[in-house]
Amino acid sequence: MEFSHNDNNNLPLTKFESMLKTNHILFFDSEEFENIIHHYLNQGKIALAKKAIKLGLDQHPTSINLRLFKVEVYVFEDKLVEADNLLNELYSLDPANEEIYIQKANILSKKDEHQQAIDVLKRALELADDLVDLYSLIGMEYLFLDEYESAKTYFMKCLEADLNDYSALYNVIYCFEFLNQNEDAISYLNMFLDKNPYCEVAWHQLGKQYVVLKKYKKALAAFDFAIISDDAFVGAYLEKGKVLEELNRYNDAIENYSITLKLDEPTSFALLRIGSCYEKLKNDELAVQYYYKTVHEDPLLDKGWIAITKFYNKKRNYQKALYYINKAINIDSENVTYWKLYSQINQRLNFYEEAERGFKKTLELGNYELNTWLSRGDLLIKLGEPEAAIYNFEQAVEFYPENAEIEYRLAGLYFLNNENEKGEFHLKNGIRYNEEFSFILEELFPEVSNKILVKNLLKQNL
C-alpha cells in the first residue's frame, strides 16, 4: 500500500514520524510497519526505512517480511554477505516464500551471476501466484546476458498477462530492434493492436518500425492512430514531424512540432526542428528566430549551437558564426564539434593562429580524423613553424601509416630544413603510396619542388 496525503491511509506514517520526535514507543502491527518501510524505500529515505525496520523487528522479531526488508537494505548498501546469510536463515524458516528467491536472485545479479539469478527466479515461478513481476525480472536478467531472444519471450509473457504493461512492451520492441527484426516487430505489434486497438504506445512503436524500413506513408498512418488514441501524445507528434521532414513536407512538419509546444513545456528538439524546417523553406528570419529559442531553452544542446553557427556560416557571415561558436565553447569547452567549427571559421577569416589552436584542441580531445592532422599541419607551415609541423605529421603517421598526403608534406618539410636524406625517404614513400598527390609539393613547398634533387626523384619514380 502506498501512503497518500489525500486520505487517511497515512495515519500510521504520521503516527510513526511523531513517535520519532518523542521518547514514547508506540505499537504498530507488522503490516503497518511493512507499509511504512515500503513507503520510505520508495522515497529513497533509507535511514528512515532502517529505523522502521529496527523498531518493527523489536516489536515483531519473528516477522519474515520485516527481515526481508532488512535484506533489501543490505543489498542496497552492497552488504551482500550479510544479505546472503540472512536469506539462508529465512530460507530454513520458510522455503516456500517467493520473496526469498527474488532477493537471492537480486544478490546474484549484483554479483554479475545472471544465469544463476535466472535459475533461482525460475524456481520462484513454481511458488508464486502473481507471475508477471517474475517474468519481468527474468527478462531483465536475460538482457544482462545479451540473450535477446530469451528476454523477448519473457517480456511477451508479461504482456500476455497484462496488456497495459508498457514497460514490457518497450522491452519487447527493444529486443526486436537489437536483433534487427523490424518486420517481426511489425507483425507482433499488429497482433498486439488487434487485442488492444487504442494503445497509443503500440501505434507509436509501430510507426517507428516503419520509419526504420523507410515505409513513410505507413509510419504516418501509425502515428496518426497514436494521436487518435491519445491526442496529447507528444512523442507521436514529434515522430510524425520527423517523417514529414523526410517527405519534404516542411510546413506540415512545423505544424506537428508546434502542437508539442502547446501540449507541454517547449522542448529544444522541437524548436530546433522547426528552425531547420524554416531554413529549408528559405525563411531565414523565422529559422534563426527558432535557433535562438533552441539555445535559450537548452544551452547545453550542442545541436542548437551547431545549427545557428552553420546557418551563419552558409550565409558567409563568419563574424556572427564565430560569435556563436565562441559562446558554445564557453559553455562546453570539451565539445569536439565546436572546436572543429571554430577552426574552420577562423581559417576562413584568415585568423590562422586561432584556427591552429582549434585544430590542436580537437586532437587533444581525441578527434584523430585525417583532415584534422592535415589542416593543423598546413596551418603550422603557413605560420612558419616547420618543426611543430613535422612533429604534427609524425604523430599523424601513427594513426595513418602509408598515407601519401602526410608523406609528401613530411618530404617537403625535411627538404625545407635541408635534411635531404629524410626528405628523400618520405618523398619515395609518398610516390609509392600514391603518385597523384605529388602536386602537394608544388602547392605547399614551391621552393622545394624546384630543387634539382626533388625534380630528379620525381622524374625517376613518376
Protein backbone atom coordinates (compact mmCIF):
# COMPACT_ATOMS: atom_id res chain seq x y z
CA MET A 1 0.00 0.00 0.00
CA GLU A 2 1.30 3.47 -0.86
CA PHE A 3 0.58 6.25 1.59
CA SER A 4 -1.26 9.26 0.22
CA HIS A 5 -1.57 12.75 1.62
CA ASN A 6 -5.17 12.88 0.44
CA ASP A 7 -6.64 10.09 2.56
CA ASN A 8 -6.42 8.51 5.97
CA ASN A 9 -4.03 5.76 4.90
CA ASN A 10 -1.10 7.89 6.01
CA LEU A 11 -2.19 7.85 9.69
CA PRO A 12 0.32 5.11 10.66
CA LEU A 13 3.07 7.09 8.90
CA THR A 14 2.12 10.31 10.72
CA LYS A 15 1.96 8.39 13.99
CA PHE A 16 5.38 6.82 13.32
CA GLU A 17 7.03 10.14 12.47
CA SER A 18 5.51 11.74 15.58
CA MET A 19 6.92 8.88 17.65
CA LEU A 20 10.42 9.53 16.28
CA LYS A 21 10.26 13.08 17.68
CA THR A 22 9.47 11.83 21.22
CA ASN A 23 10.79 9.19 23.59
CA HIS A 24 7.49 7.32 23.58
CA ILE A 25 7.48 3.97 21.78
CA LEU A 26 4.13 3.27 20.16
CA PHE A 27 2.88 -0.08 18.94
CA PHE A 28 2.26 -0.88 15.26
CA ASP A 29 1.18 -4.18 13.81
CA SER A 30 3.63 -5.83 11.41
CA GLU A 31 1.62 -4.89 8.31
CA GLU A 32 1.73 -1.22 9.30
CA PHE A 33 5.49 -1.45 9.67
CA GLU A 34 5.72 -3.09 6.25
CA ASN A 35 3.75 -0.24 4.67
CA ILE A 36 5.87 2.39 6.45
CA ILE A 37 9.14 0.74 5.34
CA HIS A 38 7.85 0.27 1.79
CA HIS A 39 6.96 3.97 1.67
CA TYR A 40 10.41 5.08 2.84
CA LEU A 41 12.21 2.75 0.43
CA ASN A 42 10.12 4.07 -2.47
CA GLN A 43 11.02 7.61 -1.43
CA GLY A 44 14.70 6.70 -1.19
CA LYS A 45 14.73 7.56 2.53
CA ILE A 46 16.98 4.67 3.56
CA ALA A 47 17.86 5.99 7.04
CA LEU A 48 14.17 6.23 7.99
CA ALA A 49 13.49 2.81 6.46
CA LYS A 50 16.27 1.33 8.62
CA LYS A 51 14.78 2.93 11.75
CA ALA A 52 11.38 1.49 10.91
CA ILE A 53 12.91 -1.97 10.29
CA LYS A 54 14.72 -1.89 13.65
CA LEU A 55 11.64 -0.78 15.59
CA GLY A 56 9.49 -3.23 13.65
CA LEU A 57 11.75 -6.17 14.49
CA ASP A 58 11.92 -5.06 18.12
CA GLN A 59 8.12 -5.41 18.24
CA HIS A 60 7.78 -8.35 15.78
CA PRO A 61 11.07 -10.31 15.94
CA THR A 62 9.66 -13.33 14.09
CA SER A 63 8.29 -11.40 11.10
CA ILE A 64 9.86 -12.80 7.94
CA ASN A 65 8.59 -9.90 5.82
CA LEU A 66 10.30 -7.33 8.05
CA ARG A 67 13.53 -9.30 7.90
CA LEU A 68 13.21 -9.43 4.12
CA PHE A 69 13.14 -5.65 4.14
CA LYS A 70 16.39 -5.82 6.10
CA VAL A 71 17.82 -7.98 3.30
CA GLU A 72 16.69 -5.39 0.75
CA VAL A 73 18.53 -2.64 2.62
CA TYR A 74 21.64 -4.80 2.89
CA VAL A 75 21.57 -5.31 -0.88
CA PHE A 76 21.06 -1.59 -1.46
CA GLU A 77 24.10 -0.86 0.74
CA ASP A 78 26.13 -3.54 -1.08
CA LYS A 79 26.42 -5.66 2.06
CA LEU A 80 25.92 -8.83 0.05
CA VAL A 81 27.46 -11.26 2.52
CA GLU A 82 25.14 -10.08 5.33
CA ALA A 83 22.17 -10.21 2.95
CA ASP A 84 23.05 -13.74 1.85
CA ASN A 85 23.48 -15.00 5.40
CA LEU A 86 20.13 -13.58 6.48
CA LEU A 87 18.42 -15.05 3.42
CA ASN A 88 19.81 -18.52 4.18
CA GLU A 89 18.41 -18.20 7.69
CA LEU A 90 14.99 -17.15 6.34
CA TYR A 91 15.00 -19.97 3.77
CA SER A 92 15.35 -22.53 6.55
CA LEU A 93 12.27 -20.97 8.20
CA ASP A 94 10.09 -20.51 5.11
CA PRO A 95 11.42 -22.32 2.00
CA ALA A 96 8.22 -21.64 0.04
CA ASN A 97 8.46 -17.84 0.30
CA GLU A 98 8.89 -16.46 -3.24
CA GLU A 99 10.33 -13.17 -1.97
CA ILE A 100 13.34 -15.06 -0.57
CA TYR A 101 14.09 -16.33 -4.07
CA ILE A 102 13.63 -12.84 -5.57
CA GLN A 103 16.10 -11.33 -3.11
CA LYS A 104 18.53 -14.22 -3.65
CA ALA A 105 18.35 -13.57 -7.41
CA ASN A 106 18.91 -9.87 -6.77
CA ILE A 107 22.14 -10.68 -4.90
CA LEU A 108 23.33 -13.00 -7.68
CA SER A 109 22.55 -10.32 -10.26
CA LYS A 110 24.59 -7.79 -8.28
CA LYS A 111 27.49 -10.24 -8.47
CA ASP A 112 27.00 -10.49 -12.27
CA GLU A 113 25.95 -14.12 -11.86
CA HIS A 114 22.95 -13.63 -14.13
CA GLN A 115 22.40 -17.23 -15.23
CA GLN A 116 22.25 -18.35 -11.57
CA ALA A 117 19.83 -15.49 -10.89
CA ILE A 118 17.61 -16.76 -13.71
CA ASP A 119 17.68 -20.29 -12.31
CA VAL A 120 16.59 -19.02 -8.89
CA LEU A 121 13.80 -16.89 -10.38
CA LYS A 122 12.50 -19.85 -12.38
CA ARG A 123 12.23 -21.82 -9.13
CA ALA A 124 10.24 -18.90 -7.70
CA LEU A 125 7.78 -19.25 -10.60
CA GLU A 126 6.71 -22.60 -9.15
CA LEU A 127 5.77 -20.92 -5.86
CA ALA A 128 4.23 -17.60 -6.95
CA ASP A 129 0.61 -16.75 -7.72
CA ASP A 130 1.40 -13.48 -9.50
CA LEU A 131 3.97 -14.34 -12.17
CA VAL A 132 4.22 -11.03 -14.06
CA ASP A 133 6.92 -9.45 -11.88
CA LEU A 134 8.97 -12.63 -12.05
CA TYR A 135 8.67 -12.77 -15.85
CA SER A 136 9.93 -9.19 -15.97
CA LEU A 137 12.87 -9.91 -13.66
CA ILE A 138 13.86 -12.98 -15.72
CA GLY A 139 13.61 -10.91 -18.90
CA MET A 140 15.95 -8.27 -17.43
CA GLU A 141 18.50 -10.93 -16.42
CA TYR A 142 18.48 -12.27 -19.98
CA LEU A 143 19.11 -8.72 -21.21
CA PHE A 144 22.19 -8.54 -18.96
CA LEU A 145 23.41 -11.72 -20.70
CA ASP A 146 22.65 -10.24 -24.16
CA GLU A 147 20.28 -13.16 -24.78
CA TYR A 148 17.66 -11.10 -26.55
CA GLU A 149 15.51 -13.95 -27.88
CA SER A 150 15.01 -15.35 -24.37
CA ALA A 151 14.47 -11.88 -22.92
CA LYS A 152 11.85 -11.18 -25.59
CA THR A 153 9.99 -14.40 -24.71
CA TYR A 154 9.65 -13.43 -21.06
CA PHE A 155 8.63 -9.83 -21.72
CA MET A 156 5.96 -11.20 -24.08
CA LYS A 157 4.71 -13.34 -21.19
CA CYS A 158 4.31 -10.13 -19.17
CA LEU A 159 2.12 -8.69 -21.93
CA GLU A 160 0.05 -11.86 -22.18
CA ALA A 161 -0.82 -11.35 -18.51
CA ASP A 162 -1.24 -7.55 -18.71
CA LEU A 163 -1.79 -5.71 -21.99
CA ASN A 164 -1.11 -2.41 -20.22
CA ASP A 165 2.41 -3.33 -19.14
CA TYR A 166 4.05 -0.70 -21.34
CA SER A 167 7.47 -1.25 -19.78
CA ALA A 168 7.35 -4.85 -21.05
CA LEU A 169 6.16 -3.64 -24.46
CA TYR A 170 9.11 -1.26 -24.77
CA ASN A 171 11.47 -4.08 -23.78
CA VAL A 172 9.96 -6.46 -26.35
CA ILE A 173 10.47 -3.87 -29.10
CA TYR A 174 13.98 -3.14 -27.84
CA CYS A 175 14.82 -6.84 -28.29
CA PHE A 176 13.33 -6.90 -31.81
CA GLU A 177 15.34 -3.81 -32.73
CA PHE A 178 18.59 -5.14 -31.31
CA LEU A 179 18.12 -8.32 -33.35
CA ASN A 180 17.29 -6.23 -36.47
CA GLN A 181 13.91 -7.95 -36.65
CA ASN A 182 11.88 -4.94 -37.73
CA GLU A 183 9.44 -6.94 -39.87
CA ASP A 184 8.86 -9.33 -36.96
CA ALA A 185 8.34 -6.37 -34.65
CA ILE A 186 5.68 -5.03 -37.03
CA SER A 187 3.89 -8.39 -37.09
CA TYR A 188 3.98 -8.60 -33.30
CA LEU A 189 2.70 -5.04 -32.84
CA ASN A 190 -0.14 -5.62 -35.29
CA MET A 191 -1.19 -8.74 -33.33
CA PHE A 192 -0.93 -6.76 -30.12
CA LEU A 193 -3.08 -3.96 -31.57
CA ASP A 194 -5.74 -6.48 -32.60
CA LYS A 195 -6.21 -7.11 -28.87
CA ASN A 196 -5.62 -3.53 -27.74
CA PRO A 197 -6.56 -1.24 -30.67
CA TYR A 198 -6.40 2.03 -28.72
CA CYS A 199 -2.88 1.55 -27.32
CA GLU A 200 -1.09 4.75 -28.32
CA VAL A 201 2.30 3.33 -27.27
CA ALA A 202 1.94 0.34 -29.62
CA TRP A 203 0.90 2.58 -32.55
CA HIS A 204 3.84 4.86 -31.79
CA GLN A 205 6.27 1.92 -31.76
CA LEU A 206 4.72 0.54 -34.95
CA GLY A 207 5.30 3.86 -36.67
CA LYS A 208 8.95 3.85 -35.60
CA GLN A 209 9.45 0.37 -37.09
CA TYR A 210 8.01 1.57 -40.41
CA VAL A 211 10.40 4.54 -40.32
CA VAL A 212 13.39 2.19 -40.00
CA LEU A 213 12.17 0.39 -43.13
CA LYS A 214 11.57 3.77 -44.85
CA LYS A 215 7.87 2.99 -45.26
CA TYR A 216 6.94 6.55 -44.52
CA LYS A 217 3.26 6.50 -45.53
CA LYS A 218 2.58 3.55 -43.23
CA ALA A 219 4.57 5.27 -40.50
CA LEU A 220 2.43 8.41 -40.82
CA ALA A 221 -0.75 6.32 -40.58
CA ALA A 222 0.55 4.62 -37.41
CA PHE A 223 1.45 7.95 -35.79
CA ASP A 224 -2.00 9.29 -36.73
CA PHE A 225 -3.62 6.32 -34.94
CA ALA A 226 -1.40 7.00 -31.91
CA ILE A 227 -2.68 10.58 -31.89
CA ILE A 228 -6.30 9.41 -32.30
CA SER A 229 -5.76 7.13 -29.28
CA ASP A 230 -4.25 9.99 -27.27
CA ASP A 231 -4.36 13.45 -28.80
CA ALA A 232 -1.91 14.75 -26.18
CA PHE A 233 0.79 12.18 -27.00
CA VAL A 234 3.80 14.45 -27.61
CA GLY A 235 6.06 11.62 -28.85
CA ALA A 236 3.70 10.79 -31.71
CA TYR A 237 3.63 14.40 -32.96
CA LEU A 238 7.44 14.58 -32.82
CA GLU A 239 7.89 11.33 -34.75
CA LYS A 240 5.27 12.38 -37.27
CA GLY A 241 7.10 15.67 -37.73
CA LYS A 242 10.37 13.84 -38.44
CA VAL A 243 8.67 11.69 -41.11
CA LEU A 244 7.09 14.74 -42.72
CA GLU A 245 10.55 16.30 -42.90
CA GLU A 246 11.81 13.18 -44.70
CA LEU A 247 8.98 13.67 -47.20
CA ASN A 248 9.95 17.36 -47.64
CA ARG A 249 6.57 18.42 -46.23
CA TYR A 250 8.14 21.10 -44.08
CA ASN A 251 5.02 23.17 -43.36
CA ASP A 252 3.19 20.05 -42.12
CA ALA A 253 6.21 19.11 -40.02
CA ILE A 254 6.25 22.60 -38.45
CA GLU A 255 2.56 22.22 -37.62
CA ASN A 256 3.18 18.95 -35.75
CA TYR A 257 6.22 20.24 -33.91
CA SER A 258 4.28 23.37 -32.94
CA ILE A 259 1.48 21.26 -31.42
CA THR A 260 4.03 19.76 -28.99
CA LEU A 261 4.96 23.27 -27.81
CA LYS A 262 1.34 23.85 -26.80
CA LEU A 263 0.82 20.44 -25.18
CA ASP A 264 3.87 20.50 -22.93
CA GLU A 265 6.87 22.59 -21.94
CA PRO A 266 8.74 23.56 -25.12
CA THR A 267 11.49 21.10 -25.98
CA SER A 268 14.76 22.17 -27.54
CA PHE A 269 14.38 19.32 -30.04
CA ALA A 270 11.05 20.64 -31.38
CA LEU A 271 12.36 24.22 -31.53
CA LEU A 272 15.46 23.07 -33.40
CA ARG A 273 13.46 21.05 -35.91
CA ILE A 274 11.10 23.98 -36.55
CA GLY A 275 14.13 26.20 -37.17
CA SER A 276 15.57 23.64 -39.58
CA CYS A 277 12.25 23.40 -41.47
CA TYR A 278 12.06 27.17 -41.83
CA GLU A 279 15.65 27.22 -43.10
CA LYS A 280 14.75 24.64 -45.76
CA LEU A 281 11.74 26.79 -46.68
CA LYS A 282 14.20 29.71 -47.16
CA ASN A 283 12.51 31.63 -44.36
CA ASP A 284 15.75 32.79 -42.76
CA GLU A 285 14.14 35.21 -40.32
CA LEU A 286 11.99 32.54 -38.66
CA ALA A 287 14.74 29.93 -38.92
CA VAL A 288 17.22 31.97 -36.93
CA GLN A 289 14.48 33.01 -34.50
CA TYR A 290 13.85 29.35 -33.63
CA TYR A 291 17.56 28.58 -33.42
CA TYR A 292 17.83 31.40 -30.85
CA LYS A 293 14.92 29.87 -28.94
CA THR A 294 16.63 26.46 -29.06
CA VAL A 295 19.87 27.62 -27.42
CA HIS A 296 17.91 29.72 -24.93
CA GLU A 297 15.76 26.73 -23.96
CA ASP A 298 18.73 24.37 -23.61
CA PRO A 299 22.19 25.97 -23.70
CA LEU A 300 23.77 22.51 -23.29
CA LEU A 301 22.25 21.14 -26.50
CA ASP A 302 25.17 21.14 -28.92
CA LYS A 303 22.92 20.68 -31.95
CA GLY A 304 21.37 24.10 -31.29
CA TRP A 305 24.70 25.95 -31.29
CA ILE A 306 25.91 23.93 -34.28
CA ALA A 307 22.74 24.79 -36.23
CA ILE A 308 22.99 28.52 -35.58
CA THR A 309 26.74 28.56 -36.33
CA LYS A 310 26.29 26.64 -39.59
CA PHE A 311 23.38 28.92 -40.52
CA TYR A 312 25.65 32.00 -40.44
CA ASN A 313 28.49 30.03 -41.98
CA LYS A 314 26.35 29.25 -45.04
CA LYS A 315 25.45 32.94 -45.26
CA ARG A 316 29.20 33.72 -45.17
CA ASN A 317 28.59 35.85 -42.11
CA TYR A 318 31.72 34.44 -40.47
CA GLN A 319 31.90 37.05 -37.71
CA LYS A 320 28.47 36.06 -36.40
CA ALA A 321 29.26 32.37 -36.85
CA LEU A 322 32.42 32.88 -34.79
CA TYR A 323 30.48 34.80 -32.13
CA TYR A 324 28.05 31.91 -31.60
CA ILE A 325 30.66 29.15 -31.67
CA ASN A 326 32.66 31.08 -29.07
CA LYS A 327 29.55 31.22 -26.88
CA ALA A 328 29.11 27.48 -27.33
CA ILE A 329 32.74 26.79 -26.37
CA ASN A 330 32.35 28.94 -23.24
CA ILE A 331 29.51 26.62 -22.18
CA ASP A 332 31.21 23.34 -23.16
CA SER A 333 34.92 23.54 -23.91
CA GLU A 334 35.22 19.76 -24.33
CA ASN A 335 32.94 19.51 -27.39
CA VAL A 336 34.99 18.36 -30.41
CA THR A 337 32.46 19.56 -33.00
CA TYR A 338 32.57 23.09 -31.55
CA TRP A 339 36.35 23.22 -31.91
CA LYS A 340 36.26 21.91 -35.47
CA LEU A 341 33.78 24.62 -36.44
CA TYR A 342 35.83 27.21 -34.53
CA SER A 343 38.91 26.24 -36.55
CA GLN A 344 37.13 26.24 -39.91
CA ILE A 345 35.58 29.67 -39.32
CA ASN A 346 38.86 31.21 -38.12
CA GLN A 347 40.57 29.77 -41.20
CA ARG A 348 38.02 31.47 -43.44
CA LEU A 349 38.67 34.73 -41.59
CA ASN A 350 42.44 34.20 -42.08
CA PHE A 351 42.92 34.02 -38.31
CA TYR A 352 45.49 31.27 -38.69
CA GLU A 353 46.83 31.16 -35.15
CA GLU A 354 43.31 30.76 -33.71
CA ALA A 355 42.46 28.14 -36.35
CA GLU A 356 45.61 26.13 -35.49
CA ARG A 357 44.77 26.37 -31.77
CA GLY A 358 41.31 24.98 -32.53
CA PHE A 359 42.65 22.00 -34.50
CA LYS A 360 45.19 21.32 -31.75
CA LYS A 361 42.39 21.29 -29.17
CA THR A 362 40.35 18.99 -31.42
CA LEU A 363 43.25 16.50 -31.46
CA GLU A 364 43.73 16.80 -27.70
CA LEU A 365 40.07 15.84 -27.27
CA GLY A 366 40.66 12.62 -29.19
CA ASN A 367 39.42 13.53 -32.67
CA TYR A 368 42.06 11.96 -34.89
CA GLU A 369 40.48 12.43 -38.30
CA LEU A 370 43.00 12.68 -41.13
CA ASN A 371 41.69 16.08 -42.18
CA THR A 372 42.33 17.47 -38.68
CA TRP A 373 46.01 16.43 -38.78
CA LEU A 374 46.41 17.80 -42.33
CA SER A 375 44.66 21.10 -41.62
CA ARG A 376 46.65 21.74 -38.46
CA GLY A 377 49.95 20.83 -40.13
CA ASP A 378 49.25 23.08 -43.12
CA LEU A 379 48.49 25.98 -40.78
CA LEU A 380 51.75 25.43 -38.90
CA ILE A 381 53.58 25.55 -42.25
CA LYS A 382 51.78 28.79 -43.10
CA LEU A 383 52.68 30.21 -39.65
CA GLY A 384 56.36 29.42 -40.26
CA GLU A 385 56.64 26.68 -37.65
CA PRO A 386 58.22 23.78 -39.59
CA GLU A 387 59.42 21.87 -36.51
CA ALA A 388 55.93 21.87 -34.99
CA ALA A 389 54.50 20.85 -38.37
CA ILE A 390 56.95 17.91 -38.61
CA TYR A 391 56.01 16.75 -35.11
CA ASN A 392 52.31 17.02 -36.02
CA PHE A 393 52.70 14.91 -39.18
CA GLU A 394 54.90 12.33 -37.44
CA GLN A 395 52.13 11.85 -34.90
CA ALA A 396 49.63 11.58 -37.77
CA VAL A 397 51.66 8.75 -39.34
CA GLU A 398 50.99 6.64 -36.22
CA PHE A 399 47.27 6.83 -36.98
CA TYR A 400 47.51 6.83 -40.79
CA PRO A 401 50.54 4.79 -41.89
CA GLU A 402 51.21 4.58 -45.62
CA ASN A 403 49.34 7.82 -46.29
CA ALA A 404 50.65 9.74 -49.30
CA GLU A 405 49.25 13.12 -48.25
CA ILE A 406 51.22 13.01 -44.99
CA GLU A 407 54.40 11.66 -46.64
CA TYR A 408 54.59 14.43 -49.27
CA ARG A 409 54.19 17.04 -46.52
CA LEU A 410 56.94 15.48 -44.42
CA ALA A 411 59.16 15.30 -47.50
CA GLY A 412 58.63 18.99 -48.22
CA LEU A 413 59.34 19.98 -44.60
CA TYR A 414 62.55 17.96 -44.37
CA PHE A 415 63.83 19.30 -47.72
CA LEU A 416 62.98 22.79 -46.44
CA ASN A 417 65.18 22.10 -43.40
CA ASN A 418 67.94 20.77 -45.71
CA GLU A 419 67.55 17.30 -44.22
CA ASN A 420 67.73 15.75 -47.66
CA GLU A 421 68.07 12.14 -46.57
CA LYS A 422 64.84 12.25 -44.58
CA GLY A 423 63.16 14.27 -47.32
CA GLU A 424 64.14 11.66 -49.92
CA PHE A 425 62.85 8.84 -47.68
CA HIS A 426 59.40 10.44 -47.28
CA LEU A 427 59.18 11.52 -50.91
CA LYS A 428 59.79 7.95 -52.07
CA ASN A 429 57.14 6.77 -49.62
CA GLY A 430 54.66 9.34 -50.96
CA ILE A 431 55.31 8.29 -54.57
CA ARG A 432 54.96 4.61 -53.65
CA TYR A 433 51.66 5.13 -51.80
CA ASN A 434 50.03 7.45 -54.36
CA GLU A 435 51.95 9.34 -57.03
CA GLU A 436 48.93 11.53 -57.88
CA PHE A 437 49.43 13.56 -54.69
CA SER A 438 52.82 14.85 -55.81
CA PHE A 439 51.16 18.23 -56.54
CA ILE A 440 51.25 18.83 -52.76
CA LEU A 441 54.94 19.71 -53.06
CA GLU A 442 54.24 22.41 -55.65
CA GLU A 443 51.33 23.87 -53.68
CA LEU A 444 52.84 23.90 -50.18
CA PHE A 445 56.58 23.97 -50.93
CA PRO A 446 57.18 25.69 -54.31
CA GLU A 447 60.84 26.39 -53.45
CA VAL A 448 61.37 22.70 -52.64
CA SER A 449 59.67 21.42 -55.81
CA ASN A 450 62.23 23.41 -57.87
CA LYS A 451 65.23 21.68 -56.27
CA ILE A 452 67.13 19.52 -58.76
CA LEU A 453 67.25 16.60 -56.28
CA VAL A 454 63.47 16.67 -55.90
CA LYS A 455 62.85 17.04 -59.63
CA ASN A 456 65.10 14.09 -60.37
CA LEU A 457 63.43 11.89 -57.77
CA LEU A 458 60.01 12.75 -59.20
CA LYS A 459 61.17 12.03 -62.78
CA GLN A 460 62.71 8.70 -61.82
CA ASN A 461 59.64 7.48 -59.99
CA LEU A 462 56.66 9.02 -61.77
